[in-house]
Amino acid sequence: MRLIILALLLALTATAAWAAPLQGSDGNATVVLFGSTRTPLADENATQEILKVDIGLVNTENATYELVDQNDKTYSPGLFKTLQEKRHLVYFLVPQDDLFKLIRVTPAGGKTFNINWWATPKSANGDVLVRYYGICDWLINPDEQGVVVQLRVANNGTKDLYLTPENFTLLDQWGWPYLPTLGFDPEMIAPQVASSDRVKVGFTGISLLSKPAALAYDYGSSGQIVVNLENDLVALSDEKVYGTNATRNATASAAPSAAAAVAQGGNETQSQAASAGNETNQTASATATKLGSLKEQIAASKARLAGTESANSTSEQSAVGKKINSSLSSTKERLAAAKANLHKSTQSDTESDTESSDQNATVNSTIGSSTNSTLNSTLNSTATVAA
């Protein structure tokens, strides 16, 4: 068993840094998609969520984007934020749990091309199949980070499958295991049936130096399932995106590797990057009208890096952009509330604490059954989150 775990740790350490981002080109400009995460809106009753895409531009000053989902519905950006020259975040307001098939890119002065979206990775051990839908919330404070992942499990066996959050383990780039602290109610899955819906599993107390690299089911057992959160995230095939007999109406030209493409990029000025954000935000204003009346929640939030907010925000921000900013500023409250609930649950669950040390706390009782995971009690005092 120790050999199996050791082999997994070595594999994660060796491969975690080699995941290739998605990219496309019109033969001149290259656009690289480094990743995406989802964030819930501040309104608990909202039916939408924020999709944040990390994008790099090469050989172009600006580009417009259009996200296309599985039902061929399109979404335009609601907010644009520049991280550094030619590297920015693009925010979309999308339906919860939506699946996407491509992003359509038009570089300034260039030709439109499509980049196939990421497929949803899956892995199985014969009887159990785990499908990973991505990170649906990522919370950070000065001492730790919390990650919520979304997944679905199918029972391909002949016996009932009892599913709980404790079945899952999050592994970082060094293979260090993190046990769940928040999650769904336990569920009994009948043979040849999948879980009733997608479920969410939360992990807190993650080191700021750790990067989520893999999600494991029944980690350490002979039947463990491991989904590599980087190498298994590959682009959808053209057949999945366009159909068996369909062809692309806008084909992406062969592009160099992401590292080579970034190295080739010219030295664009910071004012050009700011101009890109302004043009994108103007597009977002039209998007707000198209999406209809949205409840505007304006909240003051500190810039994550000095000058970021002033360099990338406009005085006439779209309603979508305001809603996105409001929800992003609620990160502090969400992580503080999660840790408060965890601490409260620990205090009331004394019967399951008899074997725990004074320095550790048991996980959230909402999981439904006790877990072997403990959370350092000193982290319970942390309430300030970096904006």
Protein backbone atom coordinates (compact mmCIF):
# COMPACT_ATOMS: atom_id res chain seq x y z
CA MET A 1 0.00 0.00 0.00
CA ARG A 2 2.85 2.38 0.85
CA LEU A 3 4.35 1.70 -2.57
CA ILE A 4 1.05 2.64 -4.27
CA ILE A 5 0.85 5.94 -2.39
CA LEU A 6 4.53 6.70 -3.01
CA ALA A 7 4.10 6.07 -6.72
CA LEU A 8 1.14 8.45 -6.79
CA LEU A 9 3.08 11.17 -4.99
CA LEU A 10 5.98 10.87 -7.43
CA ALA A 11 3.63 10.96 -10.41
CA LEU A 12 1.93 14.12 -9.17
CA THR A 13 5.23 15.84 -8.46
CA ALA A 14 6.57 14.95 -11.89
CA THR A 15 3.52 15.89 -13.97
CA ALA A 16 1.67 18.67 -12.18
CA ALA A 17 3.70 21.43 -13.80
CA TRP A 18 3.36 20.14 -17.36
CA ALA A 19 -0.32 20.73 -18.06
CA ALA A 20 -0.76 22.63 -21.31
CA PRO A 21 -3.21 25.56 -21.41
CA LEU A 22 -5.71 25.80 -24.25
CA GLN A 23 -4.85 28.14 -27.09
CA GLY A 24 -5.77 29.25 -30.58
CA SER A 25 -4.49 31.59 -33.26
CA ASP A 26 -5.52 33.32 -36.46
CA GLY A 27 -2.00 32.93 -37.81
CA ASN A 28 -0.80 36.14 -36.22
CA ALA A 29 -2.36 36.80 -32.83
CA THR A 30 -2.40 33.98 -30.26
CA VAL A 31 -4.79 33.70 -27.32
CA VAL A 32 -4.00 31.37 -24.42
CA LEU A 33 -6.58 30.14 -21.88
CA PHE A 34 -4.68 29.31 -18.71
CA GLY A 35 -7.67 28.12 -16.70
CA SER A 36 -11.09 28.95 -15.31
CA THR A 37 -12.88 28.88 -11.97
CA ARG A 38 -16.43 29.54 -10.86
CA THR A 39 -17.64 31.70 -7.98
CA PRO A 40 -21.16 31.85 -6.48
CA LEU A 41 -23.04 35.13 -6.40
CA ALA A 42 -23.62 36.87 -3.08
CA ASP A 43 -27.36 36.19 -3.39
CA GLU A 44 -28.03 32.68 -2.05
CA ASN A 45 -31.12 32.40 -4.24
CA ALA A 46 -29.28 33.32 -7.43
CA THR A 47 -29.57 31.00 -10.41
CA GLN A 48 -26.39 32.37 -11.97
CA GLU A 49 -22.72 32.25 -11.08
CA ILE A 50 -19.46 33.91 -12.10
CA LEU A 51 -17.10 32.19 -14.52
CA LYS A 52 -13.59 33.65 -14.36
CA VAL A 53 -11.22 32.88 -17.24
CA ASP A 54 -7.48 33.57 -17.08
CA ILE A 55 -6.35 34.72 -20.55
CA GLY A 56 -3.07 35.77 -22.14
CA LEU A 57 -2.71 37.74 -25.39
CA VAL A 58 0.24 37.53 -27.77
CA ASN A 59 0.83 39.80 -30.79
CA THR A 60 -2.41 41.70 -30.29
CA GLU A 61 -3.47 44.69 -28.21
CA ASN A 62 -7.03 43.57 -27.57
CA ALA A 63 -9.58 40.88 -28.31
CA THR A 64 -13.31 40.35 -27.89
CA TYR A 65 -14.76 37.14 -26.52
CA GLU A 66 -17.98 35.19 -26.80
CA LEU A 67 -18.60 32.10 -24.69
CA VAL A 68 -20.82 29.37 -26.19
CA ASP A 69 -22.50 26.76 -23.99
CA GLN A 70 -23.76 23.26 -24.73
CA ASN A 71 -27.11 24.68 -25.91
CA ASP A 72 -25.45 27.14 -28.30
CA LYS A 73 -26.35 30.10 -26.08
CA THR A 74 -23.74 32.84 -26.10
CA TYR A 75 -22.42 35.01 -23.28
CA SER A 76 -20.33 38.17 -23.48
CA PRO A 77 -17.93 39.32 -20.72
CA GLY A 78 -19.38 41.30 -17.84
CA LEU A 79 -16.07 42.46 -16.39
CA PHE A 80 -12.44 42.71 -17.44
CA LYS A 81 -9.43 43.04 -15.12
CA THR A 82 -5.80 43.33 -16.16
CA LEU A 83 -3.26 41.45 -14.07
CA GLN A 84 -0.20 42.54 -16.01
CA GLU A 85 0.58 43.55 -19.54
CA LYS A 86 -1.09 41.03 -21.91
CA ARG A 87 -2.43 38.90 -19.01
CA HIS A 88 -5.96 39.49 -17.78
CA LEU A 89 -9.06 37.98 -16.20
CA VAL A 90 -12.36 37.91 -18.09
CA TYR A 91 -15.55 37.46 -16.07
CA PHE A 92 -18.78 36.01 -17.45
CA LEU A 93 -22.16 35.84 -15.71
CA VAL A 94 -23.56 32.42 -16.61
CA PRO A 95 -26.27 29.99 -15.46
CA GLN A 96 -25.28 27.76 -12.55
CA ASP A 97 -23.76 24.41 -13.53
CA ASP A 98 -23.74 25.31 -17.22
CA LEU A 99 -21.39 23.40 -19.53
CA PHE A 100 -19.51 25.10 -22.34
CA LYS A 101 -18.13 23.91 -25.64
CA LEU A 102 -16.05 26.78 -27.01
CA ILE A 103 -14.97 30.37 -26.67
CA ARG A 104 -15.00 32.53 -29.80
CA VAL A 105 -12.15 35.03 -30.02
CA THR A 106 -11.68 38.01 -32.35
CA PRO A 107 -8.30 39.74 -31.98
CA ALA A 108 -8.24 43.46 -32.77
CA GLY A 109 -7.75 43.76 -36.53
CA GLY A 110 -7.60 39.98 -36.87
CA LYS A 111 -9.78 37.05 -37.85
CA THR A 112 -12.27 35.27 -35.59
CA PHE A 113 -11.33 31.79 -34.39
CA ASN A 114 -12.67 29.28 -31.88
CA ILE A 115 -10.95 27.55 -28.98
CA ASN A 116 -12.61 24.33 -27.85
CA TRP A 117 -13.46 24.42 -24.13
CA TRP A 118 -12.15 21.97 -21.55
CA ALA A 119 -13.73 18.54 -21.33
CA THR A 120 -15.00 17.33 -17.94
CA PRO A 121 -12.44 14.70 -16.88
CA LYS A 122 -13.55 11.37 -15.47
CA SER A 123 -11.91 8.29 -14.03
CA ALA A 124 -13.19 4.90 -12.87
CA ASN A 125 -12.13 1.72 -11.09
CA GLY A 126 -14.70 -0.58 -12.68
CA ASP A 127 -17.54 -0.19 -10.20
CA VAL A 128 -17.33 3.54 -9.50
CA LEU A 129 -16.99 6.41 -11.98
CA VAL A 130 -16.08 9.92 -10.81
CA ARG A 131 -16.60 12.94 -13.10
CA TYR A 132 -15.00 16.23 -12.12
CA TYR A 133 -16.78 19.51 -13.01
CA GLY A 134 -14.21 21.94 -11.70
CA ILE A 135 -13.61 24.36 -8.86
CA CYS A 136 -16.82 26.19 -7.96
CA ASP A 137 -15.38 28.41 -5.23
CA TRP A 138 -11.87 29.39 -4.20
CA LEU A 139 -11.39 31.33 -0.97
CA ILE A 140 -8.10 32.77 0.26
CA ASN A 141 -7.03 34.53 3.44
CA PRO A 142 -3.53 35.47 4.69
CA ASP A 143 -2.96 32.05 6.30
CA GLU A 144 -4.80 29.47 4.24
CA GLN A 145 -7.02 28.80 1.27
CA GLY A 146 -10.27 26.92 0.85
CA VAL A 147 -11.36 25.10 -2.30
CA VAL A 148 -14.81 23.76 -3.21
CA VAL A 149 -14.96 21.23 -6.04
CA GLN A 150 -18.00 19.91 -7.89
CA LEU A 151 -18.34 16.33 -9.05
CA ARG A 152 -20.71 13.50 -9.78
CA VAL A 153 -20.40 9.78 -9.03
CA ALA A 154 -21.93 6.87 -10.92
CA ASN A 155 -22.34 3.37 -9.51
CA ASN A 156 -21.48 0.91 -12.26
CA GLY A 157 -21.43 -2.03 -9.88
CA THR A 158 -24.03 -4.55 -8.74
CA LYS A 159 -24.37 -3.38 -5.11
CA ASP A 160 -25.57 -0.19 -3.47
CA LEU A 161 -22.87 2.46 -3.08
CA TYR A 162 -22.78 4.63 0.05
CA LEU A 163 -21.31 8.01 -0.90
CA THR A 164 -20.09 10.64 1.57
CA PRO A 165 -17.65 13.57 1.38
CA GLU A 166 -15.16 11.45 3.31
CA ASN A 167 -14.70 9.35 0.19
CA PHE A 168 -12.67 12.19 -1.33
CA THR A 169 -9.18 13.57 -0.79
CA LEU A 170 -7.59 16.63 -2.39
CA LEU A 171 -3.90 16.29 -3.27
CA ASP A 172 -1.54 19.19 -3.90
CA GLN A 173 1.36 19.35 -6.36
CA TRP A 174 3.58 17.47 -3.92
CA GLY A 175 0.98 14.80 -3.27
CA TRP A 176 0.08 16.07 0.21
CA PRO A 177 -3.46 14.89 1.09
CA TYR A 178 -6.14 17.27 2.37
CA LEU A 179 -9.30 15.78 3.84
CA PRO A 180 -12.77 17.36 3.38
CA THR A 181 -14.17 19.77 5.94
CA LEU A 182 -17.49 20.63 4.26
CA GLY A 183 -19.78 18.76 1.93
CA PHE A 184 -23.04 17.14 0.93
CA ASP A 185 -25.34 14.84 2.86
CA PRO A 186 -24.46 11.13 2.49
CA GLU A 187 -26.29 9.40 -0.34
CA MET A 188 -27.04 5.78 -1.21
CA ILE A 189 -26.60 5.17 -4.93
CA ALA A 190 -28.30 2.13 -6.44
CA PRO A 191 -26.48 -0.08 -8.98
CA GLN A 192 -26.22 1.32 -12.50
CA VAL A 193 -27.33 4.77 -11.26
CA ALA A 194 -25.50 8.06 -10.82
CA SER A 195 -25.78 10.41 -7.85
CA SER A 196 -29.04 12.36 -7.91
CA ASP A 197 -27.21 15.58 -8.76
CA ARG A 198 -23.75 17.05 -8.82
CA VAL A 199 -22.33 17.33 -5.32
CA LYS A 200 -19.84 19.74 -3.79
CA VAL A 201 -16.96 18.91 -1.48
CA GLY A 202 -15.06 21.62 0.39
CA PHE A 203 -11.50 21.61 1.67
CA THR A 204 -10.18 24.28 4.05
CA GLY A 205 -6.90 24.67 5.91
CA ILE A 206 -4.97 24.32 2.64
CA SER A 207 -1.49 25.85 2.66
CA LEU A 208 -1.08 28.94 0.52
CA LEU A 209 1.85 27.15 -1.12
CA SER A 210 -0.30 24.19 -2.14
CA LYS A 211 -1.90 24.01 -5.56
CA PRO A 212 -4.82 21.60 -6.08
CA ALA A 213 -3.39 18.92 -8.38
CA ALA A 214 -5.59 15.84 -8.02
CA LEU A 215 -8.86 14.62 -6.54
CA ALA A 216 -8.89 11.07 -5.19
CA TYR A 217 -11.77 8.73 -4.36
CA ASP A 218 -11.03 6.20 -1.58
CA TYR A 219 -7.45 7.43 -1.49
CA GLY A 220 -4.93 4.83 -0.36
CA SER A 221 -7.17 1.83 -1.02
CA SER A 222 -6.62 -0.81 -3.69
CA GLY A 223 -9.59 0.59 -5.61
CA GLN A 224 -8.66 4.27 -5.40
CA ILE A 225 -9.61 6.58 -8.25
CA VAL A 226 -7.47 9.63 -9.04
CA VAL A 227 -8.52 12.51 -11.31
CA ASN A 228 -5.56 14.66 -12.26
CA LEU A 229 -6.89 18.23 -12.15
CA GLU A 230 -4.32 19.43 -14.67
CA ASN A 231 -3.24 16.72 -17.08
CA ASP A 232 -6.77 15.30 -17.36
CA LEU A 233 -8.17 18.71 -18.28
CA VAL A 234 -7.88 18.57 -22.05
CA ALA A 235 -9.78 20.32 -24.82
CA LEU A 236 -13.05 18.91 -26.13
CA SER A 237 -12.70 17.09 -29.43
CA ASP A 238 -14.06 18.70 -32.60
CA GLU A 239 -16.58 15.85 -32.77
CA LYS A 240 -17.95 16.79 -29.34
CA VAL A 241 -18.07 20.49 -30.17
CA TYR A 242 -19.26 20.52 -33.77
CA GLY A 243 -20.79 17.06 -34.24
CA THR A 244 -19.62 14.09 -36.28
CA ASN A 245 -20.31 15.58 -39.70
CA ALA A 246 -19.95 19.25 -38.85
CA THR A 247 -16.89 21.38 -39.48
CA ARG A 248 -15.63 24.47 -37.78
CA ASN A 249 -16.94 27.72 -39.15
CA ALA A 250 -13.90 29.46 -37.74
CA THR A 251 -10.82 27.31 -37.46
CA ALA A 252 -8.02 28.03 -35.07
CA SER A 253 -4.63 28.01 -36.76
CA ALA A 254 -1.86 25.84 -35.44
CA ALA A 255 -0.36 27.69 -32.50
CA PRO A 256 3.03 27.35 -30.79
CA SER A 257 3.27 26.16 -27.21
CA ALA A 258 1.99 28.59 -24.58
CA ALA A 259 5.49 29.27 -23.27
CA ALA A 260 6.89 29.91 -26.73
CA ALA A 261 3.93 32.10 -27.68
CA VAL A 262 4.34 34.28 -24.63
CA ALA A 263 8.06 34.56 -25.29
CA GLN A 264 7.38 35.80 -28.84
CA GLY A 265 5.00 38.55 -27.75
CA GLY A 266 6.03 42.14 -28.34
CA ASN A 267 6.42 44.76 -25.65
CA GLU A 268 2.98 46.30 -25.52
CA THR A 269 2.49 49.32 -23.28
CA GLN A 270 0.41 49.30 -20.11
CA SER A 271 -1.88 51.91 -21.65
CA GLN A 272 -2.70 49.42 -24.42
CA ALA A 273 -3.68 46.82 -21.84
CA ALA A 274 -5.88 49.37 -20.08
CA SER A 275 -7.45 50.26 -23.43
CA ALA A 276 -8.28 46.59 -23.91
CA GLY A 277 -10.11 46.56 -20.59
CA ASN A 278 -12.06 49.72 -21.47
CA GLU A 279 -13.24 48.34 -24.81
CA THR A 280 -14.29 45.07 -23.20
CA ASN A 281 -16.22 46.89 -20.47
CA GLN A 282 -18.07 48.88 -23.16
CA THR A 283 -19.15 45.56 -24.65
CA ALA A 284 -20.26 44.50 -21.17
CA SER A 285 -22.69 47.45 -21.02
CA ALA A 286 -24.57 46.06 -24.00
CA THR A 287 -24.46 42.63 -22.39
CA ALA A 288 -26.12 43.98 -19.24
CA THR A 289 -29.10 45.20 -21.28
CA LYS A 290 -29.35 41.86 -23.02
CA LEU A 291 -29.31 39.91 -19.76
CA GLY A 292 -32.16 42.02 -18.43
CA SER A 293 -32.73 43.56 -15.05
CA LEU A 294 -30.22 42.29 -12.51
CA LYS A 295 -30.13 43.26 -8.87
CA GLU A 296 -27.17 45.62 -8.49
CA GLN A 297 -25.09 45.14 -5.42
CA ILE A 298 -22.29 47.68 -5.16
CA ALA A 299 -19.73 46.96 -2.48
CA ALA A 300 -16.42 48.69 -1.88
CA SER A 301 -13.51 46.22 -2.10
CA LYS A 302 -9.79 46.74 -1.75
CA ALA A 303 -7.60 46.13 -4.79
CA ARG A 304 -5.78 42.80 -4.57
CA LEU A 305 -2.70 44.50 -5.91
CA ALA A 306 -2.01 48.21 -5.56
CA GLY A 307 -3.40 50.11 -8.50
CA THR A 308 -5.29 47.17 -10.02
CA GLU A 309 -8.74 48.52 -9.28
CA SER A 310 -8.07 52.04 -10.56
CA ALA A 311 -6.31 50.79 -13.67
CA ASN A 312 -9.02 48.42 -14.76
CA SER A 313 -12.37 49.81 -13.59
CA THR A 314 -14.45 52.40 -15.39
CA SER A 315 -16.79 54.98 -13.90
CA GLU A 316 -19.64 53.56 -15.94
CA GLN A 317 -19.34 49.90 -15.07
CA SER A 318 -22.03 47.56 -16.37
CA ALA A 319 -24.69 46.09 -14.10
CA VAL A 320 -23.15 42.69 -14.70
CA GLY A 321 -19.75 44.02 -13.68
CA LYS A 322 -21.14 45.52 -10.48
CA LYS A 323 -22.81 42.26 -9.55
CA ILE A 324 -19.60 40.34 -10.19
CA ASN A 325 -17.56 42.78 -8.09
CA SER A 326 -20.09 42.58 -5.28
CA SER A 327 -19.94 38.81 -5.19
CA LEU A 328 -16.15 38.74 -5.30
CA SER A 329 -16.03 41.03 -2.27
CA SER A 330 -18.13 38.51 -0.30
CA THR A 331 -15.20 36.07 -0.22
CA LYS A 332 -14.27 37.22 3.27
CA GLU A 333 -17.74 36.57 4.65
CA ARG A 334 -18.06 33.15 2.97
CA LEU A 335 -14.79 31.79 4.33
CA ALA A 336 -15.39 33.28 7.78
CA ALA A 337 -18.88 31.74 7.86
CA ALA A 338 -17.58 28.35 6.75
CA LYS A 339 -14.97 28.30 9.49
CA ALA A 340 -17.48 29.54 12.09
CA ASN A 341 -19.89 26.76 11.21
CA LEU A 342 -17.07 24.24 11.36
CA HIS A 343 -15.98 25.48 14.80
CA LYS A 344 -19.54 25.49 16.13
CA SER A 345 -20.12 21.97 14.87
CA THR A 346 -16.91 20.79 16.51
CA GLN A 347 -17.97 22.13 19.90
CA SER A 348 -21.35 20.37 19.78
CA ASP A 349 -20.04 17.05 18.50
CA THR A 350 -18.23 16.03 21.68
CA GLU A 351 -19.17 12.35 21.45
CA SER A 352 -17.06 11.97 18.32
CA ASP A 353 -14.11 13.92 19.70
CA THR A 354 -12.86 11.46 22.32
CA GLU A 355 -9.93 10.34 20.19
CA SER A 356 -8.95 13.81 18.88
CA SER A 357 -6.05 15.82 20.23
CA ASP A 358 -6.57 19.19 21.90
CA GLN A 359 -4.90 20.90 18.96
CA ASN A 360 -7.25 19.51 16.32
CA ALA A 361 -10.95 19.98 15.51
CA THR A 362 -13.31 17.53 13.86
CA VAL A 363 -14.85 18.36 10.51
CA ASN A 364 -18.24 19.91 9.87
CA SER A 365 -21.09 17.70 11.14
CA THR A 366 -23.16 18.61 8.07
CA ILE A 367 -21.11 16.03 6.21
CA GLY A 368 -23.40 13.53 7.90
CA SER A 369 -20.84 11.21 9.48
CA SER A 370 -17.52 11.67 11.26
CA THR A 371 -14.39 11.96 9.17
CA ASN A 372 -10.83 11.11 9.93
CA SER A 373 -9.80 14.65 8.92
CA THR A 374 -8.83 17.21 11.56
CA LEU A 375 -8.30 20.92 11.14
CA ASN A 376 -5.72 22.87 13.09
CA SER A 377 -7.66 24.79 15.74
CA THR A 378 -5.45 27.83 15.43
CA LEU A 379 -6.91 28.48 12.00
CA ASN A 380 -10.36 28.93 13.56
CA SER A 381 -9.28 32.34 14.79
CA THR A 382 -8.52 33.55 11.28
CA ALA A 383 -11.28 35.73 9.90
CA THR A 384 -9.59 38.30 7.71
CA VAL A 385 -9.54 37.45 4.02
CA ALA A 386 -7.48 39.19 1.39
CA ALA A 387 -9.81 41.12 -0.88
